[in-house]
Amino acid sequence: MRVLGIDPGTVSLGYGVVDVGDEMRMVDCGVLRFSSQIPVEERLQCVYRGLSEVIVRHRPSEAAIEEPFVGRNVRSAFRIGRAQAAAILSAVDGGLPVYYYSPARVKQQITSYGRSDKQQVREMVRIQLRLPCAPEPFDATDALAVAICHIQQERANEWFAERA
């Protein structure tokens, strides 16, 4: 299984590709950056096209997307939601099933604490993928964390299904 993890944003969108067999292995990670000076519609088109290129290049079998956190800044959550929609469309057009995880769920799965900070998540991603140094920037690390969260959730689902 190869999973594409996505940390959506309209200015900076993180992606991470993780292979899983006996162990997890990072294939690629990075950030798609878009100028805040261009209209949001054009940035959303760039999200779609950029992720479509990542999908064609790496051929993941599934996509996992972090859901927007709705805190005090509802407008920010709406903007991220737009980027999430463009990412979903890109994944679906690429033939991928899409799975969704809240930020707290990702943190809980990666660090065993749902309120971990970005540095803690980064270090646990490094450890779980057996990387010599932590991936940067945080958007890419967060996308890898989403992919790892999905992989671990699928493993748990399989384990429970075998025992049912």
C-alpha atoms as a PDB file:
ATOM      1  CA  MET A   1       0.000   0.000   0.000  1.00  0.00           C
ATOM      2  CA  ARG A   2       1.213   3.505  -0.796  1.00  0.00           C
ATOM      3  CA  VAL A   3      -0.520   6.399   0.964  1.00  0.00           C
ATOM      4  CA  LEU A   4      -0.573  10.071   0.019  1.00  0.00           C
ATOM      5  CA  GLY A   5      -0.993  12.239   3.102  1.00  0.00           C
ATOM      6  CA  ILE A   6      -2.207  15.799   2.605  1.00  0.00           C
ATOM      7  CA  ASP A   7      -2.076  18.809   4.924  1.00  0.00           C
ATOM      8  CA  PRO A   8      -4.302  21.278   3.015  1.00  0.00           C
ATOM      9  CA  GLY A   9      -3.794  25.008   2.669  1.00  0.00           C
ATOM     10  CA  THR A  10      -4.344  27.707   0.064  1.00  0.00           C
ATOM     11  CA  VAL A  11      -0.880  29.253   0.435  1.00  0.00           C
ATOM     12  CA  SER A  12       1.097  26.208   1.548  1.00  0.00           C
ATOM     13  CA  LEU A  13      -0.037  22.601   1.085  1.00  0.00           C
ATOM     14  CA  GLY A  14       2.000  19.743   2.491  1.00  0.00           C
ATOM     15  CA  TYR A  15       2.131  16.295   0.961  1.00  0.00           C
ATOM     16  CA  GLY A  16       3.811  13.095   2.038  1.00  0.00           C
ATOM     17  CA  VAL A  17       3.973   9.708   0.357  1.00  0.00           C
ATOM     18  CA  VAL A  18       4.549   6.635   2.511  1.00  0.00           C
ATOM     19  CA  ASP A  19       4.929   2.997   1.448  1.00  0.00           C
ATOM     20  CA  VAL A  20       3.948   0.257   3.828  1.00  0.00           C
ATOM     21  CA  GLY A  21       4.914  -3.380   3.814  1.00  0.00           C
ATOM     22  CA  ASP A  22       6.544  -4.922   6.852  1.00  0.00           C
ATOM     23  CA  GLU A  23       7.747  -1.423   7.720  1.00  0.00           C
ATOM     24  CA  MET A  24       6.777   2.104   6.721  1.00  0.00           C
ATOM     25  CA  ARG A  25       9.076   3.968   4.345  1.00  0.00           C
ATOM     26  CA  MET A  26       8.946   7.590   3.224  1.00  0.00           C
ATOM     27  CA  VAL A  27       8.868   7.868  -0.561  1.00  0.00           C
ATOM     28  CA  ASP A  28       8.616  11.647  -0.867  1.00  0.00           C
ATOM     29  CA  CYS A  29       7.390  14.730   0.918  1.00  0.00           C
ATOM     30  CA  GLY A  30       7.203  18.378   0.123  1.00  0.00           C
ATOM     31  CA  VAL A  31       5.194  21.542   0.018  1.00  0.00           C
ATOM     32  CA  LEU A  32       3.267  23.151  -2.798  1.00  0.00           C
ATOM     33  CA  ARG A  33       3.473  26.924  -2.288  1.00  0.00           C
ATOM     34  CA  PHE A  34       1.193  29.521  -3.815  1.00  0.00           C
ATOM     35  CA  SER A  35       1.416  33.294  -3.729  1.00  0.00           C
ATOM     36  CA  SER A  36      -1.183  34.903  -1.497  1.00  0.00           C
ATOM     37  CA  GLN A  37      -1.242  37.715  -4.050  1.00  0.00           C
ATOM     38  CA  ILE A  38      -3.037  35.635  -6.670  1.00  0.00           C
ATOM     39  CA  PRO A  39      -6.807  35.096  -6.431  1.00  0.00           C
ATOM     40  CA  VAL A  40      -7.940  32.145  -4.333  1.00  0.00           C
ATOM     41  CA  GLU A  41      -9.581  30.521  -7.378  1.00  0.00           C
ATOM     42  CA  GLU A  42      -6.227  30.356  -9.162  1.00  0.00           C
ATOM     43  CA  ARG A  43      -4.541  28.980  -6.040  1.00  0.00           C
ATOM     44  CA  LEU A  44      -7.184  26.246  -5.802  1.00  0.00           C
ATOM     45  CA  GLN A  45      -6.507  25.354  -9.419  1.00  0.00           C
ATOM     46  CA  CYS A  46      -2.799  25.150  -8.529  1.00  0.00           C
ATOM     47  CA  VAL A  47      -3.646  22.855  -5.588  1.00  0.00           C
ATOM     48  CA  TYR A  48      -5.563  20.569  -7.923  1.00  0.00           C
ATOM     49  CA  ARG A  49      -2.874  20.519 -10.609  1.00  0.00           C
ATOM     50  CA  GLY A  50       0.039  20.223  -8.184  1.00  0.00           C
ATOM     51  CA  LEU A  51      -1.465  17.277  -6.324  1.00  0.00           C
ATOM     52  CA  SER A  52      -2.472  15.657  -9.608  1.00  0.00           C
ATOM     53  CA  GLU A  53       1.204  15.740 -10.627  1.00  0.00           C
ATOM     54  CA  VAL A  54       2.230  14.175  -7.291  1.00  0.00           C
ATOM     55  CA  ILE A  55      -0.376  11.428  -7.809  1.00  0.00           C
ATOM     56  CA  VAL A  56       0.815  10.688 -11.342  1.00  0.00           C
ATOM     57  CA  ARG A  57       4.470  10.664 -10.230  1.00  0.00           C
ATOM     58  CA  HIS A  58       4.072   8.423  -7.165  1.00  0.00           C
ATOM     59  CA  ARG A  59       0.968   6.331  -7.919  1.00  0.00           C
ATOM     60  CA  PRO A  60      -0.434   6.105  -4.372  1.00  0.00           C
ATOM     61  CA  SER A  61      -3.244   3.651  -3.710  1.00  0.00           C
ATOM     62  CA  GLU A  62      -5.046   5.798  -1.123  1.00  0.00           C
ATOM     63  CA  ALA A  63      -5.199   9.406   0.057  1.00  0.00           C
ATOM     64  CA  ALA A  64      -5.553  10.645   3.634  1.00  0.00           C
ATOM     65  CA  ILE A  65      -6.436  14.279   4.225  1.00  0.00           C
ATOM     66  CA  GLU A  66      -6.329  16.294   7.414  1.00  0.00           C
ATOM     67  CA  GLU A  67      -9.618  18.029   8.155  1.00  0.00           C
ATOM     68  CA  PRO A  68      -9.572  21.748   8.900  1.00  0.00           C
ATOM     69  CA  PHE A  69      -9.377  22.717  12.555  1.00  0.00           C
ATOM     70  CA  VAL A  70     -12.247  25.046  13.406  1.00  0.00           C
ATOM     71  CA  GLY A  71     -11.072  27.107  16.326  1.00  0.00           C
ATOM     72  CA  ARG A  72     -11.551  30.793  16.807  1.00  0.00           C
ATOM     73  CA  ASN A  73     -10.739  31.709  13.220  1.00  0.00           C
ATOM     74  CA  VAL A  74     -13.665  30.373  11.214  1.00  0.00           C
ATOM     75  CA  ARG A  75     -12.579  32.264   8.079  1.00  0.00           C
ATOM     76  CA  SER A  76      -9.255  30.416   8.115  1.00  0.00           C
ATOM     77  CA  ALA A  77     -11.069  27.082   8.451  1.00  0.00           C
ATOM     78  CA  PHE A  78     -13.209  27.946   5.419  1.00  0.00           C
ATOM     79  CA  ARG A  79     -10.103  28.774   3.365  1.00  0.00           C
ATOM     80  CA  ILE A  80      -8.479  25.497   4.345  1.00  0.00           C
ATOM     81  CA  GLY A  81     -11.747  23.727   3.566  1.00  0.00           C
ATOM     82  CA  ARG A  82     -11.552  25.081   0.020  1.00  0.00           C
ATOM     83  CA  ALA A  83      -8.040  23.705  -0.368  1.00  0.00           C
ATOM     84  CA  GLN A  84      -9.224  20.416   1.090  1.00  0.00           C
ATOM     85  CA  ALA A  85     -12.002  20.269  -1.531  1.00  0.00           C
ATOM     86  CA  ALA A  86      -9.494  20.847  -4.347  1.00  0.00           C
ATOM     87  CA  ALA A  87      -7.259  18.118  -2.884  1.00  0.00           C
ATOM     88  CA  ILE A  88     -10.204  15.715  -2.634  1.00  0.00           C
ATOM     89  CA  LEU A  89     -11.127  16.350  -6.254  1.00  0.00           C
ATOM     90  CA  SER A  90      -7.535  15.732  -7.340  1.00  0.00           C
ATOM     91  CA  ALA A  91      -7.408  12.451  -5.412  1.00  0.00           C
ATOM     92  CA  VAL A  92     -10.780  11.252  -6.696  1.00  0.00           C
ATOM     93  CA  ASP A  93      -9.836  12.146 -10.279  1.00  0.00           C
ATOM     94  CA  GLY A  94      -6.684  10.091  -9.705  1.00  0.00           C
ATOM     95  CA  GLY A  95      -8.831   7.099  -8.754  1.00  0.00           C
ATOM     96  CA  LEU A  96      -7.936   7.156  -5.050  1.00  0.00           C
ATOM     97  CA  PRO A  97     -10.219   6.430  -2.128  1.00  0.00           C
ATOM     98  CA  VAL A  98     -10.046   9.325   0.334  1.00  0.00           C
ATOM     99  CA  TYR A  99      -9.938   9.119   4.132  1.00  0.00           C
ATOM    100  CA  TYR A 100     -10.252  11.999   6.582  1.00  0.00           C
ATOM    101  CA  TYR A 101      -8.604  12.595   9.947  1.00  0.00           C
ATOM    102  CA  SER A 102      -8.945  15.430  12.431  1.00  0.00           C
ATOM    103  CA  PRO A 103      -5.760  17.149  13.625  1.00  0.00           C
ATOM    104  CA  ALA A 104      -6.336  15.780  17.131  1.00  0.00           C
ATOM    105  CA  ARG A 105      -6.747  12.229  15.778  1.00  0.00           C
ATOM    106  CA  VAL A 106      -3.494  12.514  13.810  1.00  0.00           C
ATOM    107  CA  LYS A 107      -1.608  13.792  16.855  1.00  0.00           C
ATOM    108  CA  GLN A 108      -3.115  11.089  19.065  1.00  0.00           C
ATOM    109  CA  GLN A 109      -2.144   8.372  16.582  1.00  0.00           C
ATOM    110  CA  ILE A 110       1.395   9.689  16.042  1.00  0.00           C
ATOM    111  CA  THR A 111       2.397  10.822  19.536  1.00  0.00           C
ATOM    112  CA  SER A 112      -0.236   9.222  21.823  1.00  0.00           C
ATOM    113  CA  TYR A 113      -1.281  12.749  22.865  1.00  0.00           C
ATOM    114  CA  GLY A 114      -3.965  14.652  20.945  1.00  0.00           C
ATOM    115  CA  ARG A 115      -2.595  18.073  21.862  1.00  0.00           C
ATOM    116  CA  SER A 116       1.044  17.545  20.851  1.00  0.00           C
ATOM    117  CA  ASP A 117       2.922  20.455  19.354  1.00  0.00           C
ATOM    118  CA  LYS A 118       4.417  20.462  15.871  1.00  0.00           C
ATOM    119  CA  GLN A 119       7.922  19.654  17.118  1.00  0.00           C
ATOM    120  CA  GLN A 120       6.695  16.543  18.941  1.00  0.00           C
ATOM    121  CA  VAL A 121       4.831  15.372  15.828  1.00  0.00           C
ATOM    122  CA  ARG A 122       7.910  16.027  13.679  1.00  0.00           C
ATOM    123  CA  GLU A 123      10.152  13.967  15.943  1.00  0.00           C
ATOM    124  CA  MET A 124       7.726  11.037  16.108  1.00  0.00           C
ATOM    125  CA  VAL A 125       7.381  11.070  12.312  1.00  0.00           C
ATOM    126  CA  ARG A 126      11.183  10.928  12.088  1.00  0.00           C
ATOM    127  CA  ILE A 127      11.318   7.995  14.514  1.00  0.00           C
ATOM    128  CA  GLN A 128       8.463   6.024  12.940  1.00  0.00           C
ATOM    129  CA  LEU A 129       9.878   6.404   9.432  1.00  0.00           C
ATOM    130  CA  ARG A 130      13.438   5.721  10.667  1.00  0.00           C
ATOM    131  CA  LEU A 131      14.776   8.925   9.123  1.00  0.00           C
ATOM    132  CA  PRO A 132      18.215  10.297  10.043  1.00  0.00           C
ATOM    133  CA  CYS A 133      16.795  13.824  10.376  1.00  0.00           C
ATOM    134  CA  ALA A 134      13.322  15.275  10.722  1.00  0.00           C
ATOM    135  CA  PRO A 135      11.543  16.276   7.507  1.00  0.00           C
ATOM    136  CA  GLU A 136      10.981  19.964   6.900  1.00  0.00           C
ATOM    137  CA  PRO A 137       8.993  22.164   6.674  1.00  0.00           C
ATOM    138  CA  PHE A 138       6.192  21.465   9.135  1.00  0.00           C
ATOM    139  CA  ASP A 139       3.562  21.242   6.369  1.00  0.00           C
ATOM    140  CA  ALA A 140       5.420  18.282   4.840  1.00  0.00           C
ATOM    141  CA  THR A 141       5.890  16.648   8.250  1.00  0.00           C
ATOM    142  CA  ASP A 142       2.205  17.094   9.016  1.00  0.00           C
ATOM    143  CA  ALA A 143       1.287  15.449   5.698  1.00  0.00           C
ATOM    144  CA  LEU A 144       3.541  12.479   6.512  1.00  0.00           C
ATOM    145  CA  ALA A 145       1.850  12.277   9.916  1.00  0.00           C
ATOM    146  CA  VAL A 146      -1.561  12.090   8.204  1.00  0.00           C
ATOM    147  CA  ALA A 147      -0.318   9.244   5.990  1.00  0.00           C
ATOM    148  CA  ILE A 148       1.127   7.383   9.005  1.00  0.00           C
ATOM    149  CA  CYS A 149      -2.113   7.909  10.930  1.00  0.00           C
ATOM    150  CA  HIS A 150      -4.064   6.326   8.073  1.00  0.00           C
ATOM    151  CA  ILE A 151      -1.676   3.389   7.811  1.00  0.00           C
ATOM    152  CA  GLN A 152      -1.902   2.714  11.535  1.00  0.00           C
ATOM    153  CA  GLN A 153      -5.697   2.986  11.445  1.00  0.00           C
ATOM    154  CA  GLU A 154      -5.879   0.509   8.553  1.00  0.00           C
ATOM    155  CA  ARG A 155      -3.605  -1.916  10.426  1.00  0.00           C
ATOM    156  CA  ALA A 156      -5.861  -1.684  13.469  1.00  0.00           C
ATOM    157  CA  ASN A 157      -8.961  -2.241  11.323  1.00  0.00           C
ATOM    158  CA  GLU A 158      -7.376  -5.353   9.767  1.00  0.00           C
ATOM    159  CA  TRP A 159      -6.353  -6.682  13.179  1.00  0.00           C
ATOM    160  CA  PHE A 160      -9.897  -6.291  14.532  1.00  0.00           C
ATOM    161  CA  ALA A 161     -11.445  -7.791  11.383  1.00  0.00           C
ATOM    162  CA  GLU A 162      -9.275 -10.901  11.729  1.00  0.00           C
ATOM    163  CA  ARG A 163     -10.527 -11.394  15.268  1.00  0.00           C
ATOM    164  CA  ALA A 164     -14.211 -10.827  14.539  1.00  0.00           C
END
